[in-house]
Amino acid sequence: MSENLNSNNIENDQLNLDNEDSVYNDLINRLKEIKATIALLEKTISQ
């Protein structure tokens, strides 16, 4: 029974890490989009 619980905990930990990686990657992509938008706005304003 203990082995089963340990196996479930390891799987849950891996799912949590995968989810955290996904959230992190989503945030990085959103920041890149924001950066590109700001650069475009700066170009537009300076013209």
N, C-alpha and C. Protein backbone atom coordinates (compact mmCIF):
# COMPACT_ATOMS: atom_id res chain seq x y z
N MET A 1 0.82 -1.20 0.00
CA MET A 1 0.00 0.00 0.00
C MET A 1 0.86 1.25 0.00
N SER A 2 1.94 1.22 0.79
CA SER A 2 2.85 2.37 0.87
C SER A 2 3.48 2.66 -0.48
N GLU A 3 3.84 1.60 -1.22
CA GLU A 3 4.44 1.79 -2.54
C GLU A 3 3.46 2.48 -3.48
N ASN A 4 2.19 2.13 -3.39
CA ASN A 4 1.17 2.73 -4.23
C ASN A 4 1.03 4.22 -3.92
N LEU A 5 1.04 4.58 -2.64
CA LEU A 5 0.94 5.99 -2.26
C LEU A 5 2.16 6.77 -2.75
N ASN A 6 3.34 6.20 -2.61
CA ASN A 6 4.56 6.86 -3.08
C ASN A 6 4.51 7.06 -4.58
N SER A 7 4.03 6.06 -5.29
CA SER A 7 3.92 6.16 -6.75
C SER A 7 2.95 7.27 -7.13
N ASN A 8 1.82 7.35 -6.43
CA ASN A 8 0.83 8.40 -6.70
C ASN A 8 1.42 9.78 -6.39
N ASN A 9 2.18 9.90 -5.31
CA ASN A 9 2.79 11.17 -4.95
C ASN A 9 3.78 11.63 -6.01
N ILE A 10 4.57 10.69 -6.51
CA ILE A 10 5.56 11.01 -7.55
C ILE A 10 4.84 11.47 -8.81
N GLU A 11 3.77 10.79 -9.19
CA GLU A 11 3.01 11.17 -10.38
C GLU A 11 2.39 12.56 -10.18
N ASN A 12 1.84 12.81 -9.00
CA ASN A 12 1.24 14.12 -8.72
C ASN A 12 2.29 15.22 -8.74
N ASP A 13 3.45 14.94 -8.19
CA ASP A 13 4.54 15.93 -8.22
C ASP A 13 4.95 16.24 -9.65
N GLN A 14 5.02 15.21 -10.49
CA GLN A 14 5.40 15.41 -11.88
C GLN A 14 4.35 16.23 -12.61
N LEU A 15 3.07 15.96 -12.35
CA LEU A 15 2.00 16.73 -12.97
C LEU A 15 2.07 18.19 -12.54
N ASN A 16 2.36 18.43 -11.25
CA ASN A 16 2.48 19.80 -10.76
C ASN A 16 3.64 20.52 -11.42
N LEU A 17 4.77 19.84 -11.60
CA LEU A 17 5.93 20.45 -12.26
C LEU A 17 5.61 20.75 -13.72
N ASP A 18 4.94 19.81 -14.39
CA ASP A 18 4.57 20.04 -15.78
C ASP A 18 3.64 21.24 -15.89
N ASN A 19 2.70 21.36 -14.97
CA ASN A 19 1.76 22.47 -14.97
C ASN A 19 2.49 23.78 -14.71
N GLU A 20 3.42 23.78 -13.77
CA GLU A 20 4.19 24.98 -13.47
C GLU A 20 5.03 25.41 -14.68
N ASP A 21 5.61 24.44 -15.38
CA ASP A 21 6.38 24.73 -16.60
C ASP A 21 5.48 25.36 -17.65
N SER A 22 4.28 24.81 -17.78
CA SER A 22 3.33 25.32 -18.76
C SER A 22 2.92 26.75 -18.43
N VAL A 23 2.65 27.02 -17.17
CA VAL A 23 2.28 28.37 -16.74
C VAL A 23 3.44 29.32 -16.97
N TYR A 24 4.64 28.89 -16.64
CA TYR A 24 5.83 29.72 -16.84
C TYR A 24 6.01 30.05 -18.32
N ASN A 25 5.88 29.05 -19.17
CA ASN A 25 6.04 29.27 -20.61
C ASN A 25 4.95 30.20 -21.15
N ASP A 26 3.73 30.05 -20.65
CA ASP A 26 2.65 30.95 -21.07
C ASP A 26 2.96 32.39 -20.68
N LEU A 27 3.48 32.57 -19.48
CA LEU A 27 3.82 33.92 -19.02
C LEU A 27 4.94 34.53 -19.87
N ILE A 28 5.94 33.73 -20.18
CA ILE A 28 7.05 34.20 -21.02
C ILE A 28 6.52 34.63 -22.38
N ASN A 29 5.64 33.82 -22.96
CA ASN A 29 5.08 34.17 -24.27
C ASN A 29 4.25 35.44 -24.20
N ARG A 30 3.47 35.61 -23.14
CA ARG A 30 2.67 36.83 -22.99
C ARG A 30 3.57 38.05 -22.83
N LEU A 31 4.66 37.90 -22.08
CA LEU A 31 5.60 39.02 -21.91
C LEU A 31 6.26 39.39 -23.24
N LYS A 32 6.58 38.40 -24.06
CA LYS A 32 7.16 38.68 -25.37
C LYS A 32 6.17 39.44 -26.25
N GLU A 33 4.89 39.05 -26.18
CA GLU A 33 3.87 39.75 -26.95
C GLU A 33 3.72 41.20 -26.46
N ILE A 34 3.75 41.39 -25.16
CA ILE A 34 3.65 42.73 -24.59
C ILE A 34 4.84 43.57 -25.03
N LYS A 35 6.03 42.98 -24.99
CA LYS A 35 7.24 43.69 -25.41
C LYS A 35 7.13 44.13 -26.87
N ALA A 36 6.64 43.23 -27.73
CA ALA A 36 6.48 43.56 -29.14
C ALA A 36 5.45 44.67 -29.33
N THR A 37 4.38 44.63 -28.58
CA THR A 37 3.34 45.67 -28.67
C THR A 37 3.89 47.02 -28.23
N ILE A 38 4.65 47.03 -27.16
CA ILE A 38 5.25 48.28 -26.66
C ILE A 38 6.21 48.84 -27.70
N ALA A 39 7.02 47.98 -28.32
CA ALA A 39 7.96 48.44 -29.33
C ALA A 39 7.21 49.05 -30.52
N LEU A 40 6.12 48.43 -30.92
CA LEU A 40 5.31 48.95 -32.02
C LEU A 40 4.69 50.30 -31.65
N LEU A 41 4.19 50.41 -30.43
CA LEU A 41 3.61 51.68 -29.97
C LEU A 41 4.67 52.78 -29.92
N GLU A 42 5.86 52.45 -29.46
CA GLU A 42 6.95 53.43 -29.40
C GLU A 42 7.29 53.92 -30.81
N LYS A 43 7.32 52.99 -31.77
CA LYS A 43 7.59 53.36 -33.15
C LYS A 43 6.52 54.30 -33.67
N THR A 44 5.26 53.96 -33.39
CA THR A 44 4.13 54.75 -33.87
C THR A 44 4.16 56.16 -33.26
N ILE A 45 4.46 56.25 -31.99
CA ILE A 45 4.47 57.54 -31.29
C ILE A 45 5.60 58.42 -31.81
N SER A 46 6.75 57.83 -32.09
CA SER A 46 7.92 58.63 -32.49
C SER A 46 7.87 59.10 -33.93
N GLN A 47 6.91 58.63 -34.70
CA GLN A 47 6.83 59.02 -36.12
C GLN A 47 6.14 60.34 -36.28
